[in-house]
C-alpha atoms as a PDB file:
ATOM      1  CA  MET A   1     121.128 117.395 105.594  1.00  0.00           C
ATOM      2  CA  ARG A   2     118.463 120.073 105.902  1.00  0.00           C
ATOM      3  CA  ASN A   3     115.294 119.566 107.935  1.00  0.00           C
ATOM      4  CA  GLU A   4     113.078 119.861 104.844  1.00  0.00           C
ATOM      5  CA  ASP A   5     114.847 116.829 103.379  1.00  0.00           C
ATOM      6  CA  LEU A   6     113.560 114.721 106.264  1.00  0.00           C
ATOM      7  CA  LYS A   7     109.912 115.635 105.867  1.00  0.00           C
ATOM      8  CA  CYS A   8     107.502 112.875 104.946  1.00  0.00           C
ATOM      9  CA  PRO A   9     105.841 113.559 101.593  1.00  0.00           C
ATOM     10  CA  LEU A  10     102.430 112.623 103.028  1.00  0.00           C
ATOM     11  CA  SER A  11     100.362 115.068 105.034  1.00  0.00           C
ATOM     12  CA  PRO A  12      99.013 114.202 108.524  1.00  0.00           C
ATOM     13  CA  LEU A  13      95.503 113.967 107.035  1.00  0.00           C
ATOM     14  CA  ALA A  14      96.669 111.433 104.463  1.00  0.00           C
ATOM     15  CA  ALA A  15      98.435 109.412 107.148  1.00  0.00           C
ATOM     16  CA  THR A  16      95.240 109.366 109.214  1.00  0.00           C
ATOM     17  CA  VAL A  17      93.236 108.178 106.215  1.00  0.00           C
ATOM     18  CA  LEU A  18      95.759 105.387 105.681  1.00  0.00           C
ATOM     19  CA  VAL A  19      95.348 104.161 109.245  1.00  0.00           C
ATOM     20  CA  VAL A  20      91.552 104.308 109.074  1.00  0.00           C
ATOM     21  CA  ALA A  21      91.507 102.497 105.733  1.00  0.00           C
ATOM     22  CA  THR A  22      93.625  99.707 107.180  1.00  0.00           C
ATOM     23  CA  LEU A  23      91.080  99.168 109.949  1.00  0.00           C
ATOM     24  CA  LEU A  24      88.057  99.055 107.657  1.00  0.00           C
ATOM     25  CA  PRO A  25      86.487  95.699 106.832  1.00  0.00           C
ATOM     26  CA  ARG A  26      87.558  94.219 103.507  1.00  0.00           C
ATOM     27  CA  VAL A  27      84.042  93.867 102.073  1.00  0.00           C
ATOM     28  CA  ALA A  28      80.923  95.465 103.485  1.00  0.00           C
ATOM     29  CA  TYR A  29      77.833  93.558 102.477  1.00  0.00           C
ATOM     30  CA  ALA A  30      75.507  91.023 104.044  1.00  0.00           C
ATOM     31  CA  HIS A  31      75.511  87.222 103.669  1.00  0.00           C
ATOM     32  CA  ALA A  32      79.287  86.897 103.412  1.00  0.00           C
ATOM     33  CA  GLY A  33      80.360  83.696 101.683  1.00  0.00           C
ATOM     34  CA  ARG A  34      77.341  83.623  99.367  1.00  0.00           C
ATOM     35  CA  PRO A  35      77.063  85.032  95.847  1.00  0.00           C
ATOM     36  CA  LEU A  36      76.129  88.681  95.959  1.00  0.00           C
ATOM     37  CA  ALA A  37      72.379  89.284  95.583  1.00  0.00           C
ATOM     38  CA  PRO A  38      70.826  92.388  93.979  1.00  0.00           C
ATOM     39  CA  HIS A  39      69.372  93.645  97.258  1.00  0.00           C
ATOM     40  CA  ASP A  40      72.870  93.743  98.767  1.00  0.00           C
ATOM     41  CA  ALA A  41      74.551  95.476  95.825  1.00  0.00           C
ATOM     42  CA  TRP A  42      74.657  99.040  97.125  1.00  0.00           C
ATOM     43  CA  ARG A  43      76.285  97.892 100.360  1.00  0.00           C
ATOM     44  CA  ALA A  44      78.981  95.909  98.577  1.00  0.00           C
ATOM     45  CA  TRP A  45      81.861  98.348  98.994  1.00  0.00           C
ATOM     46  CA  THR A  46      85.279  96.714  98.953  1.00  0.00           C
ATOM     47  CA  TRP A  47      87.731  98.204 101.457  1.00  0.00           C
ATOM     48  CA  GLU A  48      90.743  96.053 100.682  1.00  0.00           C
ATOM     49  CA  PRO A  49      93.824  97.714 102.259  1.00  0.00           C
ATOM     50  CA  GLY A  50      95.971  96.599  99.332  1.00  0.00           C
ATOM     51  CA  VAL A  51      93.713  98.655  97.053  1.00  0.00           C
ATOM     52  CA  VAL A  52      92.708 101.564  99.271  1.00  0.00           C
ATOM     53  CA  LEU A  53      96.196 102.384 100.544  1.00  0.00           C
ATOM     54  CA  PRO A  54      97.788 102.818  97.084  1.00  0.00           C
ATOM     55  CA  LEU A  55      94.834 104.952  95.989  1.00  0.00           C
ATOM     56  CA  VAL A  56      95.195 107.233  99.004  1.00  0.00           C
ATOM     57  CA  VAL A  57      98.980 107.414  98.704  1.00  0.00           C
ATOM     58  CA  TRP A  58      98.783 108.267  94.997  1.00  0.00           C
ATOM     59  CA  ALA A  59      96.216 111.011  95.593  1.00  0.00           C
ATOM     60  CA  ALA A  60      98.245 112.435  98.486  1.00  0.00           C
ATOM     61  CA  LEU A  61     101.491 112.455  96.515  1.00  0.00           C
ATOM     62  CA  TYR A  62      99.840 114.101  93.520  1.00  0.00           C
ATOM     63  CA  GLY A  63      98.142 116.733  95.672  1.00  0.00           C
ATOM     64  CA  ARG A  64     101.328 117.538  97.585  1.00  0.00           C
ATOM     65  CA  GLY A  65     103.417 117.706  94.419  1.00  0.00           C
ATOM     66  CA  LEU A  66     100.891 119.898  92.641  1.00  0.00           C
ATOM     67  CA  ALA A  67     100.686 122.282  95.617  1.00  0.00           C
ATOM     68  CA  THR A  68     104.492 122.536  95.812  1.00  0.00           C
ATOM     69  CA  LEU A  69     104.887 123.087  92.076  1.00  0.00           C
ATOM     70  CA  TRP A  70     102.168 125.725  91.855  1.00  0.00           C
ATOM     71  CA  ARG A  71     103.470 127.498  94.965  1.00  0.00           C
ATOM     72  CA  ARG A  72     106.935 127.744  93.414  1.00  0.00           C
ATOM     73  CA  ALA A  73     106.056 128.465  89.769  1.00  0.00           C
ATOM     74  CA  GLY A  74     102.478 129.718  89.830  1.00  0.00           C
ATOM     75  CA  VAL A  75      99.100 128.041  89.403  1.00  0.00           C
ATOM     76  CA  GLY A  76      98.912 126.170  86.124  1.00  0.00           C
ATOM     77  CA  SER A  77     102.676 125.932  85.627  1.00  0.00           C
ATOM     78  CA  GLY A  78     104.062 122.483  84.820  1.00  0.00           C
ATOM     79  CA  VAL A  79     100.623 120.921  85.251  1.00  0.00           C
ATOM     80  CA  SER A  80      97.648 122.906  83.968  1.00  0.00           C
ATOM     81  CA  ARG A  81      94.279 123.116  85.698  1.00  0.00           C
ATOM     82  CA  ARG A  82      92.794 120.979  82.933  1.00  0.00           C
ATOM     83  CA  GLU A  83      95.458 118.315  83.422  1.00  0.00           C
ATOM     84  CA  ALA A  84      94.894 118.313  87.170  1.00  0.00           C
ATOM     85  CA  ALA A  85      91.157 117.865  86.556  1.00  0.00           C
ATOM     86  CA  ALA A  86      91.921 114.943  84.223  1.00  0.00           C
ATOM     87  CA  PHE A  87      93.957 113.252  86.950  1.00  0.00           C
ATOM     88  CA  ALA A  88      91.148 113.765  89.489  1.00  0.00           C
ATOM     89  CA  ALA A  89      88.622 112.241  87.084  1.00  0.00           C
ATOM     90  CA  GLY A  90      90.929 109.306  86.369  1.00  0.00           C
ATOM     91  CA  TRP A  91      91.516 108.703  90.066  1.00  0.00           C
ATOM     92  CA  LEU A  92      87.754 108.743  90.668  1.00  0.00           C
ATOM     93  CA  ALA A  93      87.199 106.234  87.839  1.00  0.00           C
ATOM     94  CA  LEU A  94      89.877 104.026  89.383  1.00  0.00           C
ATOM     95  CA  ALA A  95      88.185 104.199  92.781  1.00  0.00           C
ATOM     96  CA  VAL A  96      84.793 103.371  91.265  1.00  0.00           C
ATOM     97  CA  ALA A  97      86.273 100.340  89.506  1.00  0.00           C
ATOM     98  CA  LEU A  98      88.124  98.942  92.508  1.00  0.00           C
ATOM     99  CA  VAL A  99      86.239 100.070  95.626  1.00  0.00           C
ATOM    100  CA  SER A 100      82.606 100.646  94.665  1.00  0.00           C
ATOM    101  CA  PRO A 101      80.028  97.833  94.298  1.00  0.00           C
ATOM    102  CA  VAL A 102      81.210  97.410  90.691  1.00  0.00           C
ATOM    103  CA  HIS A 103      84.052  95.252  92.024  1.00  0.00           C
ATOM    104  CA  ALA A 104      81.814  92.936  94.066  1.00  0.00           C
ATOM    105  CA  ILE A 105      79.130  92.652  91.372  1.00  0.00           C
ATOM    106  CA  GLY A 106      81.860  91.695  88.931  1.00  0.00           C
ATOM    107  CA  GLY A 107      82.265  88.502  90.907  1.00  0.00           C
ATOM    108  CA  VAL A 108      78.774  87.335  89.934  1.00  0.00           C
ATOM    109  CA  LEU A 109      78.224  88.995  86.531  1.00  0.00           C
ATOM    110  CA  PHE A 110      80.675  88.672  83.661  1.00  0.00           C
ATOM    111  CA  SER A 111      79.238  91.830  82.071  1.00  0.00           C
ATOM    112  CA  VAL A 112      79.915  93.995  85.131  1.00  0.00           C
ATOM    113  CA  HIS A 113      83.391  92.498  85.480  1.00  0.00           C
ATOM    114  CA  MET A 114      84.017  93.645  81.913  1.00  0.00           C
ATOM    115  CA  VAL A 115      82.704  97.112  82.786  1.00  0.00           C
ATOM    116  CA  GLN A 116      85.270  97.165  85.589  1.00  0.00           C
ATOM    117  CA  HIS A 117      88.047  96.285  83.160  1.00  0.00           C
ATOM    118  CA  GLU A 118      86.994  98.993  80.710  1.00  0.00           C
ATOM    119  CA  LEU A 119      86.930 101.534  83.536  1.00  0.00           C
ATOM    120  CA  LEU A 120      90.529 100.589  84.304  1.00  0.00           C
ATOM    121  CA  VAL A 121      92.045 100.456  80.813  1.00  0.00           C
ATOM    122  CA  ALA A 122      89.884 102.759  78.676  1.00  0.00           C
ATOM    123  CA  LEU A 123      88.853 105.510  81.100  1.00  0.00           C
ATOM    124  CA  ALA A 124      91.000 105.735  84.241  1.00  0.00           C
ATOM    125  CA  ALA A 125      94.348 105.035  82.554  1.00  0.00           C
ATOM    126  CA  PRO A 126      94.179 107.717  79.807  1.00  0.00           C
ATOM    127  CA  LEU A 127      92.844 110.341  82.217  1.00  0.00           C
ATOM    128  CA  LEU A 128      95.604 109.612  84.720  1.00  0.00           C
ATOM    129  CA  VAL A 129      98.238 109.902  81.994  1.00  0.00           C
ATOM    130  CA  LEU A 130      96.796 113.223  80.801  1.00  0.00           C
ATOM    131  CA  GLY A 131      97.147 114.458  84.384  1.00  0.00           C
ATOM    132  CA  ARG A 132     100.983 114.279  84.106  1.00  0.00           C
ATOM    133  CA  PRO A 133     101.393 112.246  87.317  1.00  0.00           C
ATOM    134  CA  LEU A 134     105.182 111.932  87.059  1.00  0.00           C
ATOM    135  CA  VAL A 135     105.641 115.702  87.177  1.00  0.00           C
ATOM    136  CA  ALA A 136     103.518 115.986  90.311  1.00  0.00           C
ATOM    137  CA  ALA A 137     105.121 112.920  91.903  1.00  0.00           C
ATOM    138  CA  VAL A 138     108.633 114.355  91.478  1.00  0.00           C
ATOM    139  CA  TRP A 139     107.600 117.632  93.105  1.00  0.00           C
ATOM    140  CA  ALA A 140     106.095 115.692  96.015  1.00  0.00           C
ATOM    141  CA  LEU A 141     109.550 114.420  96.951  1.00  0.00           C
ATOM    142  CA  PRO A 142     111.898 116.222  99.368  1.00  0.00           C
ATOM    143  CA  PRO A 143     114.439 118.411  97.522  1.00  0.00           C
ATOM    144  CA  SER A 144     117.355 115.996  97.928  1.00  0.00           C
ATOM    145  CA  TRP A 145     115.263 113.070  96.648  1.00  0.00           C
ATOM    146  CA  ARG A 146     114.053 115.218  93.774  1.00  0.00           C
ATOM    147  CA  ARG A 147     117.607 115.995  92.710  1.00  0.00           C
ATOM    148  CA  ALA A 148     118.574 112.318  92.998  1.00  0.00           C
ATOM    149  CA  ALA A 149     115.579 111.293  90.878  1.00  0.00           C
ATOM    150  CA  GLY A 150     116.566 113.844  88.257  1.00  0.00           C
ATOM    151  CA  ASP A 151     120.135 112.537  88.182  1.00  0.00           C
ATOM    152  CA  VAL A 152     118.908 108.969  87.717  1.00  0.00           C
ATOM    153  CA  GLY A 153     116.490 109.964  84.977  1.00  0.00           C
ATOM    154  CA  ARG A 154     119.245 111.731  83.025  1.00  0.00           C
ATOM    155  CA  ARG A 155     121.472 108.666  82.873  1.00  0.00           C
ATOM    156  CA  PRO A 156     121.766 107.485  79.243  1.00  0.00           C
ATOM    157  CA  ALA A 157     121.005 103.840  80.082  1.00  0.00           C
ATOM    158  CA  VAL A 158     117.877 104.737  82.054  1.00  0.00           C
ATOM    159  CA  HIS A 159     116.710 107.160  79.389  1.00  0.00           C
ATOM    160  CA  ALA A 160     117.259 104.607  76.620  1.00  0.00           C
ATOM    161  CA  ALA A 161     115.412 101.867  78.527  1.00  0.00           C
ATOM    162  CA  ALA A 162     112.454 104.147  79.286  1.00  0.00           C
ATOM    163  CA  ASP A 163     112.344 105.335  75.687  1.00  0.00           C
ATOM    164  CA  SER A 164     112.273 101.753  74.444  1.00  0.00           C
ATOM    165  CA  VAL A 165     109.541 100.539  76.808  1.00  0.00           C
ATOM    166  CA  THR A 166     107.346 103.573  76.145  1.00  0.00           C
ATOM    167  CA  SER A 167     107.583 103.327  72.365  1.00  0.00           C
ATOM    168  CA  PRO A 168     104.092 102.877  70.845  1.00  0.00           C
ATOM    169  CA  GLY A 169     104.977  99.506  69.308  1.00  0.00           C
ATOM    170  CA  VAL A 170     106.320  97.903  72.481  1.00  0.00           C
ATOM    171  CA  ALA A 171     103.554  99.351  74.657  1.00  0.00           C
ATOM    172  CA  THR A 172     100.885  98.099  72.251  1.00  0.00           C
ATOM    173  CA  VAL A 173     102.278  94.561  72.287  1.00  0.00           C
ATOM    174  CA  LEU A 174     102.563  94.469  76.091  1.00  0.00           C
ATOM    175  CA  HIS A 175      99.056  95.834  76.632  1.00  0.00           C
ATOM    176  CA  GLY A 176      97.554  93.527  74.024  1.00  0.00           C
ATOM    177  CA  ALA A 177      99.284  90.488  75.533  1.00  0.00           C
ATOM    178  CA  ALA A 178      97.963  91.367  78.996  1.00  0.00           C
ATOM    179  CA  LEU A 179      94.392  91.726  77.723  1.00  0.00           C
ATOM    180  CA  TRP A 180      94.361  88.516  75.696  1.00  0.00           C
ATOM    181  CA  LEU A 181      96.095  86.376  78.335  1.00  0.00           C
ATOM    182  CA  GLY A 182      93.931  87.842  81.061  1.00  0.00           C
ATOM    183  CA  HIS A 183      90.787  86.793  79.195  1.00  0.00           C
ATOM    184  CA  VAL A 184      91.896  83.230  78.427  1.00  0.00           C
ATOM    185  CA  PRO A 185      89.081  81.189  80.054  1.00  0.00           C
ATOM    186  CA  VAL A 186      91.299  79.130  82.352  1.00  0.00           C
ATOM    187  CA  PHE A 187      93.138  82.194  83.642  1.00  0.00           C
ATOM    188  CA  TYR A 188      89.961  84.244  83.910  1.00  0.00           C
ATOM    189  CA  ALA A 189      88.257  81.523  85.957  1.00  0.00           C
ATOM    190  CA  LEU A 190      91.243  81.494  88.306  1.00  0.00           C
ATOM    191  CA  THR A 191      90.675  85.167  89.149  1.00  0.00           C
ATOM    192  CA  LEU A 192      87.216  84.277  90.500  1.00  0.00           C
ATOM    193  CA  ARG A 193      88.715  81.723  92.901  1.00  0.00           C
ATOM    194  CA  SER A 194      91.882  83.501  93.975  1.00  0.00           C
ATOM    195  CA  GLU A 195      92.184  87.078  95.265  1.00  0.00           C
ATOM    196  CA  LEU A 196      95.885  87.011  94.414  1.00  0.00           C
ATOM    197  CA  ALA A 197      95.177  86.038  90.806  1.00  0.00           C
ATOM    198  CA  HIS A 198      92.445  88.670  90.633  1.00  0.00           C
ATOM    199  CA  ALA A 199      94.817  91.350  91.911  1.00  0.00           C
ATOM    200  CA  ALA A 200      97.482  90.237  89.431  1.00  0.00           C
ATOM    201  CA  GLN A 201      94.986  90.460  86.574  1.00  0.00           C
ATOM    202  CA  HIS A 202      93.969  93.996  87.488  1.00  0.00           C
ATOM    203  CA  ALA A 203      97.588  95.038  88.035  1.00  0.00           C
ATOM    204  CA  SER A 204      98.573  93.747  84.596  1.00  0.00           C
ATOM    205  CA  PHE A 205      95.603  95.429  82.919  1.00  0.00           C
ATOM    206  CA  LEU A 206      96.122  98.786  84.625  1.00  0.00           C
ATOM    207  CA  GLY A 207      99.923  98.745  84.469  1.00  0.00           C
ATOM    208  CA  THR A 208     100.121  97.978  80.758  1.00  0.00           C
ATOM    209  CA  ALA A 209      97.237 100.382  80.065  1.00  0.00           C
ATOM    210  CA  LEU A 210      99.136 103.215  81.753  1.00  0.00           C
ATOM    211  CA  LEU A 211     102.194 102.293  79.700  1.00  0.00           C
ATOM    212  CA  PHE A 212     100.145 102.161  76.491  1.00  0.00           C
ATOM    213  CA  TRP A 213      98.379 105.471  77.058  1.00  0.00           C
ATOM    214  CA  TRP A 214     101.645 107.111  78.066  1.00  0.00           C
ATOM    215  CA  ALA A 215     103.129 105.951  74.755  1.00  0.00           C
ATOM    216  CA  VAL A 216     100.318 107.610  72.783  1.00  0.00           C
ATOM    217  CA  LEU A 217      99.204 110.577  74.940  1.00  0.00           C
ATOM    218  CA  SER A 218     102.310 111.954  76.635  1.00  0.00           C
ATOM    219  CA  PRO A 219     103.441 115.404  75.410  1.00  0.00           C
ATOM    220  CA  ARG A 220     106.288 113.859  73.423  1.00  0.00           C
ATOM    221  CA  ALA A 221     103.987 111.232  71.897  1.00  0.00           C
ATOM    222  CA  ARG A 222     101.511 113.901  70.788  1.00  0.00           C
ATOM    223  CA  GLY A 223     104.329 115.610  68.900  1.00  0.00           C
ATOM    224  CA  ALA A 224     107.021 113.496  67.298  1.00  0.00           C
ATOM    225  CA  ARG A 225     105.195 110.190  67.747  1.00  0.00           C
ATOM    226  CA  ALA A 226     101.659 111.249  66.851  1.00  0.00           C
ATOM    227  CA  GLY A 227     101.553 109.072  63.739  1.00  0.00           C
ATOM    228  CA  ALA A 228     102.820 106.019  65.605  1.00  0.00           C
ATOM    229  CA  GLY A 229     100.332 106.694  68.397  1.00  0.00           C
ATOM    230  CA  ILE A 230      97.415 106.806  65.970  1.00  0.00           C
ATOM    231  CA  ALA A 231      98.566 103.518  64.451  1.00  0.00           C
ATOM    232  CA  ALA A 232      98.852 101.969  67.933  1.00  0.00           C
ATOM    233  CA  LEU A 233      95.315 103.064  68.785  1.00  0.00           C
ATOM    234  CA  PHE A 234      94.021 101.643  65.497  1.00  0.00           C
ATOM    235  CA  VAL A 235      95.687  98.276  66.149  1.00  0.00           C
ATOM    236  CA  THR A 236      94.360  98.185  69.721  1.00  0.00           C
ATOM    237  CA  THR A 237      90.851  99.019  68.514  1.00  0.00           C
ATOM    238  CA  LEU A 238      91.011  96.081  66.111  1.00  0.00           C
ATOM    239  CA  HIS A 239      92.327  93.412  68.454  1.00  0.00           C
ATOM    240  CA  THR A 240      90.166  94.387  71.447  1.00  0.00           C
ATOM    241  CA  GLY A 241      87.151  94.466  69.128  1.00  0.00           C
ATOM    242  CA  VAL A 242      87.991  90.966  67.896  1.00  0.00           C
ATOM    243  CA  LEU A 243      88.326  89.713  71.477  1.00  0.00           C
ATOM    244  CA  GLY A 244      85.031  91.289  72.446  1.00  0.00           C
ATOM    245  CA  ALA A 245      83.322  89.817  69.395  1.00  0.00           C
ATOM    246  CA  LEU A 246      84.657  86.337  70.168  1.00  0.00           C
ATOM    247  CA  ILE A 247      83.224  86.544  73.685  1.00  0.00           C
ATOM    248  CA  ALA A 248      79.900  87.924  72.450  1.00  0.00           C
ATOM    249  CA  VAL A 249      79.252  85.362  69.712  1.00  0.00           C
ATOM    250  CA  SER A 250      80.558  82.301  71.539  1.00  0.00           C
ATOM    251  CA  GLU A 251      77.868  79.658  72.072  1.00  0.00           C
ATOM    252  CA  ARG A 252      79.771  78.118  74.972  1.00  0.00           C
ATOM    253  CA  LEU A 253      80.311  79.704  78.342  1.00  0.00           C
ATOM    254  CA  TRP A 254      83.626  81.533  78.378  1.00  0.00           C
ATOM    255  CA  VAL A 255      83.779  81.333  82.190  1.00  0.00           C
ATOM    256  CA  PRO A 256      81.573  78.473  83.514  1.00  0.00           C
ATOM    257  CA  ALA A 257      81.829  79.808  87.075  1.00  0.00           C
ATOM    258  CA  TYR A 258      79.285  82.491  86.181  1.00  0.00           C
ATOM    259  CA  ALA A 259      76.655  79.869  85.305  1.00  0.00           C
ATOM    260  CA  GLY A 260      75.329  79.696  88.858  1.00  0.00           C
ATOM    261  CA  THR A 261      75.454  83.401  89.748  1.00  0.00           C
ATOM    262  CA  THR A 262      73.563  85.307  87.051  1.00  0.00           C
ATOM    263  CA  GLY A 263      70.046  84.008  87.778  1.00  0.00           C
ATOM    264  CA  PRO A 264      69.151  86.381  90.654  1.00  0.00           C
ATOM    265  CA  TRP A 265      70.096  89.291  88.397  1.00  0.00           C
ATOM    266  CA  GLY A 266      67.598  88.339  85.686  1.00  0.00           C
ATOM    267  CA  LEU A 267      70.159  87.174  83.137  1.00  0.00           C
ATOM    268  CA  MET A 268      70.891  83.844  81.559  1.00  0.00           C
ATOM    269  CA  PRO A 269      74.606  82.972  81.643  1.00  0.00           C
ATOM    270  CA  LEU A 270      74.966  83.304  77.859  1.00  0.00           C
ATOM    271  CA  GLU A 271      73.109  86.613  77.889  1.00  0.00           C
ATOM    272  CA  ASP A 272      75.481  87.900  80.542  1.00  0.00           C
ATOM    273  CA  GLN A 273      78.444  86.724  78.466  1.00  0.00           C
ATOM    274  CA  GLN A 274      77.104  88.327  75.294  1.00  0.00           C
ATOM    275  CA  LEU A 275      76.662  91.603  77.136  1.00  0.00           C
ATOM    276  CA  ALA A 276      80.244  91.338  78.434  1.00  0.00           C
ATOM    277  CA  GLY A 277      81.544  90.895  74.898  1.00  0.00           C
ATOM    278  CA  VAL A 278      79.571  93.879  73.648  1.00  0.00           C
ATOM    279  CA  VAL A 279      80.942  96.036  76.486  1.00  0.00           C
ATOM    280  CA  MET A 280      84.507  95.275  75.387  1.00  0.00           C
ATOM    281  CA  TRP A 281      83.652  95.494  71.699  1.00  0.00           C
ATOM    282  CA  VAL A 282      81.736  98.791  71.524  1.00  0.00           C
ATOM    283  CA  PRO A 283      82.440 101.178  74.448  1.00  0.00           C
ATOM    284  CA  GLY A 284      86.072 100.087  74.588  1.00  0.00           C
ATOM    285  CA  SER A 285      86.531 100.728  70.866  1.00  0.00           C
ATOM    286  CA  VAL A 286      84.885 104.145  71.179  1.00  0.00           C
ATOM    287  CA  ALA A 287      87.562 105.231  73.669  1.00  0.00           C
ATOM    288  CA  TYR A 288      90.413 104.231  71.364  1.00  0.00           C
ATOM    289  CA  VAL A 289      88.798 105.747  68.274  1.00  0.00           C
ATOM    290  CA  ALA A 290      88.069 109.018  70.111  1.00  0.00           C
ATOM    291  CA  ALA A 291      91.681 109.226  71.260  1.00  0.00           C
ATOM    292  CA  ALA A 292      92.929 108.547  67.720  1.00  0.00           C
ATOM    293  CA  LEU A 293      90.702 111.292  66.292  1.00  0.00           C
ATOM    294  CA  TRP A 294      91.910 113.720  68.961  1.00  0.00           C
ATOM    295  CA  LEU A 295      95.534 112.897  68.163  1.00  0.00           C
ATOM    296  CA  PHE A 296      94.881 113.218  64.438  1.00  0.00           C
ATOM    297  CA  ALA A 297      93.278 116.645  64.890  1.00  0.00           C
ATOM    298  CA  GLY A 298      96.256 117.804  66.931  1.00  0.00           C
ATOM    299  CA  TRP A 299      98.609 116.384  64.326  1.00  0.00           C
ATOM    300  CA  LEU A 300      96.842 118.357  61.582  1.00  0.00           C
ATOM    301  CA  ARG A 301      97.003 121.573  63.630  1.00  0.00           C
ATOM    302  CA  GLU A 302     100.704 121.064  64.290  1.00  0.00           C
ATOM    303  CA  SER A 303     101.339 120.331  60.598  1.00  0.00           C
ATOM    304  CA  GLY A 304      99.509 123.540  59.661  1.00  0.00           C
ATOM    305  CA  ARG A 305     101.616 125.557  62.094  1.00  0.00           C
ATOM    306  CA  ARG A 306     104.812 124.045  60.686  1.00  0.00           C
ATOM    307  CA  VAL A 307     103.738 124.876  57.119  1.00  0.00           C
ATOM    308  CA  GLU A 308     102.940 128.478  58.084  1.00  0.00           C
ATOM    309  CA  ALA A 309     106.277 128.839  59.872  1.00  0.00           C
ATOM    310  CA  ARG A 310     108.148 127.398  56.881  1.00  0.00           C
ATOM    311  CA  GLU A 311     106.360 129.739  54.465  1.00  0.00           C
ATOM    312  CA  ALA A 312     107.186 132.707  56.684  1.00  0.00           C
ATOM    313  CA  ARG A 313     110.852 131.698  56.782  1.00  0.00           C
ATOM    314  CA  ASP A 314     110.920 131.229  52.996  1.00  0.00           C
ATOM    315  CA  ALA A 315     109.365 134.665  52.426  1.00  0.00           C
ATOM    316  CA  ALA A 316     111.867 136.309  54.753  1.00  0.00           C
ATOM    317  CA  LEU A 317     114.728 134.541  53.008  1.00  0.00           C
ATOM    318  CA  ASP A 318     113.499 135.587  49.540  1.00  0.00           C
ATOM    319  CA  GLU A 319     113.254 139.219  50.642  1.00  0.00           C
ATOM    320  CA  ALA A 320     116.725 139.081  52.177  1.00  0.00           C
ATOM    321  CA  LEU A 321     118.212 137.665  48.958  1.00  0.00           C
ATOM    322  CA  ASP A 322     116.367 140.096  46.639  1.00  0.00           C
ATOM    323  CA  PRO A 323     115.639 143.313  48.570  1.00  0.00           C
ATOM    324  CA  SER A 324     114.855 145.259  45.388  1.00  0.00           C
ATOM    325  CA  ARG A 325     111.868 143.068  44.594  1.00  0.00           C
ATOM    326  CA  ASP A 326     109.523 145.039  46.872  1.00  0.00           C
ATOM    327  CA  ALA A 327     111.141 148.439  46.305  1.00  0.00           C
ATOM    328  CA  PRO A 328     108.533 149.728  43.777  1.00  0.00           C
ATOM    329  CA  ALA A 329     105.748 148.824  46.146  1.00  0.00           C
ATOM    330  CA  ARG A 330     107.462 150.716  48.933  1.00  0.00           C
ATOM    331  CA  ARG A 331     107.962 153.774  46.667  1.00  0.00           C
ATOM    332  CA  VAL A 332     104.285 153.781  45.678  1.00  0.00           C
ATOM    333  CA  THR A 333     103.265 153.560  49.284  1.00  0.00           C
ATOM    334  CA  THR A 334     105.545 156.441  50.206  1.00  0.00           C
ATOM    335  CA  THR A 335     104.264 158.615  47.363  1.00  0.00           C
ATOM    336  CA  THR A 336     100.666 157.858  48.202  1.00  0.00           C
ATOM    337  CA  SER A 337     101.027 158.705  51.844  1.00  0.00           C
ATOM    338  CA  THR A 338     102.754 162.068  51.164  1.00  0.00           C
ATOM    339  CA  SER A 339     100.571 163.340  48.250  1.00  0.00           C
ATOM    340  CA  PRO A 340      98.585 166.433  49.338  1.00  0.00           C
ATOM    341  CA  LEU A 341      95.813 165.603  46.836  1.00  0.00           C
ATOM    342  CA  LEU A 342      95.226 162.120  48.179  1.00  0.00           C
ATOM    343  CA  ALA A 343      95.645 163.357  51.723  1.00  0.00           C
ATOM    344  CA  GLY A 344      92.767 165.764  51.263  1.00  0.00           C
ATOM    345  CA  GLY A 345      94.862 168.953  50.914  1.00  0.00           C
ATOM    346  CA  ASP A 346      94.556 171.792  48.308  1.00  0.00           C
ATOM    347  CA  ALA A 347      96.588 171.665  45.087  1.00  0.00           C
END
C-alpha cells in the first residue's frame, strides 16, 4: 500500500477545529435552565459537538475533495465555481439554522422554530445538492478508497437501489412523511423536552430534504427526469402549504408548551403559532415554486435544442437522399461569383 493511501482526508487545521469544537460549551447564554429571554438572544449560540463536528467534517471533506479535483483536472472541472459557491451558501445556511441563536430561540417561539426548519429543508438542502457534494466527497478520499467506492457504486444492485430511492416519487413521499409526522403535535412537543427527539426530527427533515432535492435537482434529474421533478415540486408545494395553513388557522394551540414562553417576546401564543404557519405556507412554497420554474425553463431550453438538432439532422438526410435538389442554387451562385459584370469588371 502506498503512503498516500494512508493519509487522513482531514487537514491538520480541520482536526484542530474538531478538538476545539468538542471543548466548547454546548450552549452559550445566561440564565441556563430558564426560557431564553430577548436580551440573551444574541449570546445564545449552540455549540453542540454532535452538530458542530459533522459540519466541520463535511466542510473539510468538501474543501479537500474540491482542491484535489481542481488540481488534477483544472479549476471548474467536475464541480464549477458556481456549484462550489452554492455548496458554501448551503453550508452557511445549515450553520445558521443549527448553531446560531435561531436554534435556541426556536425553543421558545414556534415561529422561529419553523424558520429553522425552512432554513434546513427549503434553503440549505437545495443549495448543498447543487454543490455536487458527492463528487467532492469522492475526491477527498485516498486513491485506494476512491477506487473501492467506484467499484461499489458500479454494482448493479447498488445502482438499482440508489436509482429507486432517488426517484422523484419515492423521495417526495419520504420527505412529505417526515414533514407531516414531525409536525404532529404530540411528536413536536416531544422535541421540546428531549434533545434526542429534537436531533432525530432535524435529521429526518434534513436527510429526506437532501434526498428530495437530489431527486429533482441532480444533473440527471434536470435532464431525463425534469418533468417528474416539476411534478414532485408541485405536489410538495401543495401539501406543505396545506400543513402550514392548518397550523396558521387553528384556533387551538398546536404545541401547548409554547404557551408560557412567548410573552417576553411580545407575542401571544396563538399569534406565534399563526406566524409559524405562515412561514411554512408562504416562504416555503416560494422555494418550491421557484425551483419548479427554474426546472421548467431548463426543460424548455433543452427541448428547443433537441428540436434544432433534429431539424438539422433531417435537413442533412434530405440533402443526402436528393443531392440534385440544391444543384440549381449552387450553379447560380457559381455563375454570379464568376461574372465579370457583377464583379465590377469591363464587358
